[in-house]
Protein backbone atom coordinates (compact mmCIF):
# COMPACT_ATOMS: atom_id res chain seq x y z
CA UNK A 1 11.56 76.78 -50.56
CA UNK A 2 8.64 74.66 -49.40
CA UNK A 3 7.56 74.78 -45.78
CA UNK A 4 8.29 71.77 -43.77
CA UNK A 5 4.54 70.55 -44.35
CA UNK A 6 5.08 71.01 -48.18
CA UNK A 7 8.12 68.85 -48.42
CA UNK A 8 7.91 65.26 -49.13
CA UNK A 9 10.89 63.17 -47.98
CA UNK A 10 12.44 60.41 -50.30
CA UNK A 11 11.93 57.10 -48.57
CA UNK A 12 13.61 54.17 -50.20
CA UNK A 13 15.25 50.83 -49.11
CA UNK A 14 14.90 47.11 -49.05
CA UNK A 15 13.16 47.33 -46.01
CA UNK A 16 9.62 46.43 -47.56
CA UNK A 17 10.24 47.43 -51.25
CA UNK A 18 7.48 47.17 -53.81
CA UNK A 19 5.87 44.86 -56.36
CA UNK A 20 6.45 45.19 -60.05
CA UNK A 21 2.47 45.14 -59.67
CA UNK A 22 2.98 48.29 -57.16
CA UNK A 23 2.21 48.02 -53.43
CA UNK A 24 1.55 52.17 -53.00
CA UNK A 25 -1.83 53.59 -53.76
CA UNK A 26 -2.62 56.56 -56.16
CA UNK A 27 -0.17 59.40 -55.94
CA UNK A 28 -1.78 62.01 -53.98
CA UNK A 29 -0.20 65.42 -54.06
CA UNK A 30 -1.38 67.29 -51.31
CA UNK A 31 0.79 70.20 -50.18
CA UNK A 32 -0.17 69.07 -46.61
CA UNK A 33 1.69 65.84 -46.51
CA UNK A 34 4.09 65.50 -43.87
CA UNK A 35 7.74 64.31 -43.59
CA UNK A 36 8.74 60.82 -43.08
CA UNK A 37 12.02 58.85 -43.54
CA UNK A 38 13.57 55.63 -44.22
CA UNK A 39 17.19 54.89 -45.33
CA UNK A 40 18.44 56.15 -48.55
CA UNK A 41 18.33 54.49 -52.10
CA UNK A 42 21.02 52.84 -53.94
CA UNK A 43 22.63 55.85 -55.49
CA UNK A 44 21.72 58.24 -52.72
CA UNK A 45 22.58 58.21 -49.04
CA UNK A 46 20.19 58.62 -46.38
CA UNK A 47 21.89 62.11 -45.62
CA UNK A 48 20.99 63.15 -49.26
CA UNK A 49 17.24 62.33 -48.85
CA UNK A 50 15.56 65.50 -48.20
CA UNK A 51 17.45 67.57 -50.88
CA UNK A 52 17.07 64.70 -53.60
CA UNK A 53 13.45 64.54 -52.91
CA UNK A 54 13.22 68.35 -53.07
CA UNK A 55 14.61 68.33 -56.42
CA UNK A 56 12.20 65.78 -57.86
CA UNK A 57 9.52 67.77 -56.32
CA UNK A 58 10.67 70.81 -58.20
CA UNK A 59 10.97 68.83 -61.34
CA UNK A 60 7.34 67.28 -61.00
CA UNK A 61 5.51 66.43 -58.33
CA UNK A 62 5.03 70.08 -56.98
CA UNK A 63 4.24 71.72 -60.24
CA UNK A 64 0.94 72.45 -61.09
CA UNK A 65 -0.91 69.46 -62.34
CA UNK A 66 -1.63 70.96 -65.77
CA UNK A 67 2.38 71.55 -66.24
CA UNK A 68 3.48 68.24 -65.08
CA UNK A 69 5.30 65.95 -67.75
CA UNK A 70 6.41 62.73 -66.83
CA UNK A 71 9.40 63.13 -69.39
CA UNK A 72 10.66 65.96 -66.94
CA UNK A 73 10.29 63.52 -64.05
CA UNK A 74 12.72 61.20 -65.84
CA UNK A 75 14.98 63.89 -66.78
CA UNK A 76 15.34 64.99 -63.32
CA UNK A 77 15.75 61.11 -62.32
CA UNK A 78 18.38 61.08 -64.92
CA UNK A 79 20.59 64.08 -63.80
CA UNK A 80 20.52 62.46 -60.37
CA UNK A 81 21.71 59.14 -61.87
CA UNK A 82 24.38 60.42 -64.33
CA UNK A 83 25.76 62.62 -61.19
CA UNK A 84 26.13 59.31 -59.37
CA UNK A 85 27.97 57.82 -62.12
CA UNK A 86 30.22 60.93 -62.68
CA UNK A 87 31.01 60.32 -59.07
CA UNK A 88 32.58 57.13 -59.63
CA UNK A 89 29.45 55.33 -58.32
CA UNK A 90 29.61 57.05 -55.05
CA UNK A 91 26.33 57.54 -53.48
CA UNK A 92 25.02 61.27 -53.26
CA UNK A 93 25.44 62.73 -50.16
CA UNK A 94 24.08 65.85 -47.91
CA UNK A 95 27.24 67.82 -49.57
CA UNK A 96 26.20 67.34 -53.21
CA UNK A 97 23.54 69.53 -52.68
CA UNK A 98 26.04 72.59 -53.20
CA UNK A 99 26.44 71.84 -56.65
CA UNK A 100 22.80 71.32 -57.26
CA UNK A 101 22.33 74.44 -55.82
CA UNK A 102 24.57 76.26 -58.01
CA UNK A 103 23.21 74.59 -61.03
CA UNK A 104 19.40 74.94 -60.26
CA UNK A 105 18.93 77.37 -57.23
CA UNK A 106 18.54 80.81 -59.32
CA UNK A 107 16.10 79.20 -61.55
CA UNK A 108 14.11 78.01 -58.77
CA UNK A 109 14.11 81.32 -57.22
CA UNK A 110 12.70 83.43 -60.21
CA UNK A 111 8.83 83.35 -60.73
CA UNK A 112 8.60 84.54 -64.27
CA UNK A 113 8.25 81.31 -66.12
CA UNK A 114 7.37 78.71 -63.39
CA UNK A 115 5.99 78.78 -59.51
CA UNK A 116 8.69 79.75 -57.38
CA UNK A 117 10.81 76.86 -56.36
CA UNK A 118 9.75 74.63 -59.31
CA UNK A 119 11.57 74.00 -62.62
CA UNK A 120 10.52 73.46 -66.05
CA UNK A 121 11.98 71.24 -68.66
CA UNK A 122 14.32 74.23 -70.18
CA UNK A 123 15.53 75.05 -66.71
CA UNK A 124 16.35 71.49 -65.94
CA UNK A 125 18.12 71.25 -69.20
CA UNK A 126 20.01 74.61 -68.63
CA UNK A 127 20.95 73.40 -65.11
CA UNK A 128 22.07 69.87 -66.22
CA UNK A 129 24.58 71.61 -68.68
CA UNK A 130 26.20 73.57 -65.92
CA UNK A 131 26.17 70.66 -63.12
CA UNK A 132 27.27 67.83 -65.71
CA UNK A 133 28.65 69.34 -68.68
CA UNK A 134 27.73 71.00 -72.04
CA UNK A 135 27.23 67.37 -73.46
CA UNK A 136 24.40 66.23 -71.56
CA UNK A 137 21.41 67.61 -73.13
CA UNK A 138 22.70 66.39 -76.65
CA UNK A 139 23.23 63.01 -75.16
CA UNK A 140 19.64 62.68 -74.06
CA UNK A 141 18.48 62.29 -77.64
CA UNK A 142 21.47 60.06 -78.58
CA UNK A 143 20.39 56.30 -78.39
CA UNK A 144 24.34 55.38 -78.72
CA UNK A 145 25.15 57.41 -75.45
CA UNK A 146 22.01 56.89 -73.31
CA UNK A 147 20.84 53.83 -71.05
CA UNK A 148 20.50 52.60 -67.79
CA UNK A 149 18.75 55.85 -66.82
CA UNK A 150 21.94 57.70 -67.44
CA UNK A 151 23.33 60.01 -70.19
CA UNK A 152 26.91 59.48 -71.27
CA UNK A 153 29.53 61.90 -72.44
CA UNK A 154 30.69 59.12 -75.25
CA UNK A 155 29.91 56.06 -76.57
CA UNK A 156 33.19 54.39 -74.99
CA UNK A 157 31.78 55.64 -71.52
CA UNK A 158 28.53 54.06 -72.27
CA UNK A 159 30.05 50.52 -73.19
CA UNK A 160 32.17 50.77 -69.95
CA UNK A 161 29.36 51.39 -67.45
CA UNK A 162 28.90 48.75 -64.79
CA UNK A 163 25.31 48.39 -63.97
CA UNK A 164 26.02 45.98 -60.99
CA UNK A 165 27.45 49.03 -59.11
CA UNK A 166 23.93 49.90 -58.02
CA UNK A 167 23.77 46.88 -55.96
CA UNK A 168 26.95 48.03 -54.08
CA UNK A 169 24.93 49.15 -50.97
CA UNK A 170 22.11 46.30 -51.40
CA UNK A 171 22.10 42.59 -50.05
CA UNK A 172 20.31 40.78 -53.04
CA UNK A 173 18.14 38.42 -51.17
CA UNK A 174 17.28 35.20 -53.10
CA UNK A 175 14.36 34.53 -55.44
CA UNK A 176 10.67 34.37 -53.87
CA UNK A 177 8.54 32.77 -56.44
CA UNK A 178 5.13 31.66 -55.18
CA UNK A 179 5.57 28.37 -53.22
CA UNK A 180 1.96 27.84 -51.88
CA UNK A 181 -0.55 25.37 -53.55
CA UNK A 182 -2.06 26.77 -56.47
CA UNK A 183 -5.62 26.77 -54.84
CA UNK A 184 -4.32 29.18 -52.02
CA UNK A 185 -2.58 31.68 -54.53
CA UNK A 186 -4.05 34.82 -55.64
CA UNK A 187 -4.26 35.28 -59.62
CA UNK A 188 -5.29 38.45 -60.83
CA UNK A 189 -5.13 40.62 -64.05
CA UNK A 190 -6.02 43.98 -65.29
CA UNK A 191 -7.25 45.08 -68.69
CA UNK A 192 -4.75 45.09 -71.26
CA UNK A 193 -3.48 48.53 -72.81
CA UNK A 194 -3.39 48.88 -76.37
CA UNK A 195 0.23 49.21 -77.92
CA UNK A 196 2.12 50.08 -81.10
CA UNK A 197 3.12 47.37 -83.41
CA UNK A 198 4.14 44.02 -81.43
CA UNK A 199 7.87 43.78 -83.16
CA UNK A 200 8.40 47.44 -81.85
CA UNK A 201 7.01 46.70 -78.29
CA UNK A 202 9.07 43.35 -78.03
CA UNK A 203 12.19 45.17 -79.36
CA UNK A 204 11.99 47.76 -76.80
CA UNK A 205 11.27 45.02 -74.00
CA UNK A 206 14.20 43.22 -75.09
CA UNK A 207 16.46 46.09 -74.02
CA UNK A 208 16.42 46.42 -70.58
CA UNK A 209 18.60 49.29 -70.55
CA UNK A 210 15.69 51.06 -72.07
CA UNK A 211 13.36 50.27 -69.29
CA UNK A 212 14.00 53.42 -67.19
CA UNK A 213 12.56 55.20 -70.14
CA UNK A 214 9.39 53.66 -69.40
CA UNK A 215 9.05 55.17 -65.84
CA UNK A 216 5.88 56.68 -64.69
CA UNK A 217 4.96 59.27 -61.83
CA UNK A 218 4.43 55.76 -59.66
CA UNK A 219 7.75 54.08 -60.19
CA UNK A 220 10.35 52.97 -62.46
CA UNK A 221 12.62 49.86 -63.33
CA UNK A 222 16.44 50.03 -63.63
CA UNK A 223 18.45 47.14 -64.70
CA UNK A 224 21.36 46.12 -62.47
CA UNK A 225 23.21 43.48 -64.82
CA UNK A 226 25.07 43.60 -67.85
CA UNK A 227 22.94 41.23 -69.81
CA UNK A 228 19.80 40.97 -71.80
CA UNK A 229 16.40 40.69 -70.63
CA UNK A 230 16.36 36.77 -69.54
CA UNK A 231 18.00 36.62 -65.92
CA UNK A 232 17.86 40.55 -65.88
CA UNK A 233 17.47 41.88 -62.29
CA UNK A 234 15.66 45.08 -61.94
CA UNK A 235 15.66 47.60 -59.24
CA UNK A 236 12.06 48.81 -58.68
CA UNK A 237 11.42 52.17 -57.29
CA UNK A 238 7.77 52.74 -56.58
CA UNK A 239 6.12 56.00 -55.44
CA UNK A 240 3.00 56.22 -53.23
CA UNK A 241 1.02 56.87 -50.23
CA UNK A 242 0.69 54.39 -47.55
CA UNK A 243 -1.98 54.63 -44.55
CA UNK A 244 0.00 57.23 -43.09
CA UNK A 245 -0.05 60.62 -44.51
CA UNK A 246 3.61 60.53 -45.95
CA UNK A 247 4.85 60.39 -49.69
CA UNK A 248 6.80 57.12 -49.70
CA UNK A 249 9.38 55.63 -52.37
CA UNK A 250 9.96 51.97 -51.84
CA UNK A 251 12.73 49.82 -53.47
CA UNK A 252 12.66 46.29 -54.10
CA UNK A 253 14.16 43.78 -56.63
CA UNK A 254 12.60 41.39 -59.40
CA UNK A 255 14.28 39.25 -61.85
CA UNK A 256 13.37 37.93 -65.25
CA UNK A 257 13.12 34.11 -64.92
CA UNK A 258 11.23 33.32 -68.12
CA UNK A 259 11.18 34.85 -71.50
CA UNK A 260 9.11 33.38 -74.19
CA UNK A 261 8.41 34.64 -77.99
CA UNK A 262 7.04 33.26 -81.17
CA UNK A 263 10.37 31.54 -81.83
CA UNK A 264 9.30 28.77 -79.48
CA UNK A 265 5.61 28.52 -80.38
CA UNK A 266 4.67 25.23 -78.29
CA UNK A 267 6.40 26.81 -74.92
CA UNK A 268 4.46 30.09 -75.39
CA UNK A 269 1.24 28.48 -76.14
CA UNK A 270 1.79 26.07 -72.84
CA UNK A 271 2.34 29.13 -70.85
CA UNK A 272 -0.54 30.78 -72.03
CA UNK A 273 -2.63 27.72 -71.29
CA UNK A 274 -1.35 28.03 -67.81
CA UNK A 275 -2.04 31.38 -67.08
CA UNK A 276 -5.65 31.22 -68.49
CA UNK A 277 -5.89 28.21 -66.43
CA UNK A 278 -4.69 29.62 -63.18
CA UNK A 279 -7.25 32.84 -63.96
CA UNK A 280 -9.99 30.58 -64.22
CA UNK A 281 -9.30 28.46 -61.27
CA UNK A 282 -9.35 31.65 -59.33
CA UNK A 283 -13.09 32.21 -60.15
CA UNK A 284 -13.54 35.72 -59.46
CA UNK A 285 -14.70 36.83 -62.76
CA UNK A 286 -10.87 37.14 -64.09
CA UNK A 287 -10.48 37.45 -67.71
CA UNK A 288 -8.19 35.11 -69.79
CA UNK A 289 -4.56 36.49 -69.97
CA UNK A 290 -4.85 35.66 -73.85
CA UNK A 291 -8.58 35.91 -75.10
CA UNK A 292 -9.99 33.51 -77.44
CA UNK A 293 -9.07 34.16 -81.12
CA UNK A 294 -5.90 36.24 -79.97
CA UNK A 295 -2.02 35.38 -80.79
CA UNK A 296 0.27 35.42 -78.08
CA UNK A 297 3.56 37.16 -79.07
CA UNK A 298 5.66 37.30 -75.75
CA UNK A 299 5.73 36.18 -72.33
CA UNK A 300 7.64 37.85 -69.47
CA UNK A 301 7.98 36.42 -66.04
CA UNK A 302 9.20 38.78 -63.38
CA UNK A 303 10.01 36.95 -60.06
CA UNK A 304 10.22 38.78 -56.77
CA UNK A 305 13.44 38.54 -54.37
CA UNK A 306 13.02 37.95 -50.87
CA UNK A 307 12.02 41.19 -48.93
CA UNK A 308 9.42 42.20 -51.55
CA UNK A 309 6.37 43.98 -50.52
CA UNK A 310 4.41 41.26 -52.19
CA UNK A 311 6.03 38.50 -50.47
CA UNK A 312 6.50 35.38 -52.65
CA UNK A 313 5.03 36.70 -56.08
CA UNK A 314 5.42 36.84 -60.02
CA UNK A 315 4.39 39.51 -62.14
CA UNK A 316 3.67 37.70 -65.69
CA UNK A 317 3.73 40.18 -68.66
CA UNK A 318 2.10 38.86 -71.71
CA UNK A 319 1.95 40.47 -75.11
CA UNK A 320 -0.81 39.67 -77.74
CA UNK A 321 -2.52 40.61 -80.87
CA UNK A 322 -6.08 40.59 -81.72
CA UNK A 323 -8.26 41.82 -84.71
CA UNK A 324 -5.14 43.57 -85.90
CA UNK A 325 -4.15 45.54 -82.43
CA UNK A 326 -1.70 45.02 -80.31
CA UNK A 327 -1.81 44.77 -76.40
CA UNK A 328 0.02 44.28 -73.28
CA UNK A 329 -1.28 43.17 -69.90
CA UNK A 330 0.07 42.12 -66.52
CA UNK A 331 -1.07 38.83 -64.45
CA UNK A 332 -0.21 38.93 -60.95
CA UNK A 333 0.51 35.51 -59.09
CA UNK A 334 1.24 35.64 -55.28
CA UNK A 335 1.17 33.54 -52.19
CA UNK A 336 -1.19 34.47 -49.11
CA UNK A 337 0.48 37.38 -47.50
CA UNK A 338 1.60 37.02 -43.92
CA UNK A 339 0.64 40.03 -41.36
CA UNK A 340 1.55 42.91 -41.78
CA UNK A 341 1.61 42.68 -45.68
CA UNK A 342 -1.96 41.53 -46.03
CA UNK A 343 -3.64 44.64 -44.32
CA UNK A 344 -0.85 47.06 -46.00
CA UNK A 345 -1.65 45.72 -49.41
CA UNK A 346 -5.14 45.93 -48.82
CA UNK A 347 -4.90 49.44 -47.72
CA UNK A 348 -2.30 50.59 -50.30
CA UNK A 349 -1.76 48.18 -52.66
CA UNK A 350 -4.85 47.25 -54.55
CA UNK A 351 -5.74 51.09 -56.35
CA UNK A 352 -1.99 51.06 -56.62
CA UNK A 353 -1.81 48.16 -59.06
CA UNK A 354 -4.86 49.33 -61.00
CA UNK A 355 -2.97 52.53 -61.62
CA UNK A 356 0.35 51.20 -62.61
CA UNK A 357 -1.04 48.60 -64.94
CA UNK A 358 -2.91 51.01 -67.11
CA UNK A 359 -6.41 51.38 -65.41
CA UNK A 360 -6.00 55.17 -64.58
CA UNK A 361 -3.91 57.75 -66.36
CA UNK A 362 -1.10 57.33 -68.81
CA UNK A 363 1.06 59.14 -66.34
CA UNK A 364 0.70 56.74 -63.61
CA UNK A 365 0.76 53.44 -65.71
CA UNK A 366 4.12 51.75 -66.78
CA UNK A 367 2.26 50.06 -69.52
CA UNK A 368 1.02 53.19 -70.90
CA UNK A 369 4.58 54.58 -70.95
CA UNK A 370 5.60 51.56 -72.73
CA UNK A 371 3.39 52.14 -75.36
CA UNK A 372 4.16 55.79 -75.56
CA UNK A 373 8.05 54.97 -75.59
CA UNK A 374 8.00 52.47 -78.39
CA UNK A 375 5.55 54.39 -80.63
């Protein structure tokens, strides 16, 4: 098992949360990171924080960089979430480590296939069958039995799933859109990320139960309502490293408050004009959300809930085509941040936004994972 200095303790909670745009810096994986703690996640109680993080580290973060696969991280997260569902929506506790040790402990001790203490994909699948049932590996590849970051034994089980149970241990605050005068708000965007065919990308985005399949090493989105995309609320878990030397997983919530497609071309055009005007008025060499000559395909507004790391904010995704290619980009819009959010954002959030929205590696970017997942 890794030493105390090598462990990264799972931190999550609504204390600060993290923006869709992200508020954590680029993930650094130094083995010297020290332990730190915050309350547990929506599916794991605080007393399970250590072993849950240890499991995720074994599946991804502590594996040699050349051997890491984001798909394996999502698999490990799905194993945890499926176990939570099989527990009758009871949060994972310290006692649950026994079952995980029986399923994965021996594989983590042997060194012929992977470095000691880590797990490759085959070992994750073998252990998941022991922990959850022989049906689990096959359900991973069955769209009829997979959704919300969970694999289900049957289609009937999937249909009976109650996503709102993730809110059982959370007080969801009211929406917190930007309220300051437009001239005082920050408007910012990032280079667009190339996508597969626009219809394929839009079809994927319109199915919120698939959004956990687009998680990156910096974060993921899990829907918590039994509804379509419009008015859907997402639980966000963002991984990052703040100013203190400790790995952090932060949790927050956003809701889709606007969904526009080419079915309403006038409304979509007006929305694009609003975005382009806001970026132009910001005046810091911000490019247009939809360039001249491009055609908007869809727009999705995600509005923060009270307690979000970014304060009052919106993340405004826009899908467009240009010269026969499809692109997806984010436009961030937020109010002036009060102390201590502003210094925290400057130290931790700026670089994370760039990575999360596609300016660094595909492993870190949610938009890049959307492209891969809908290809």
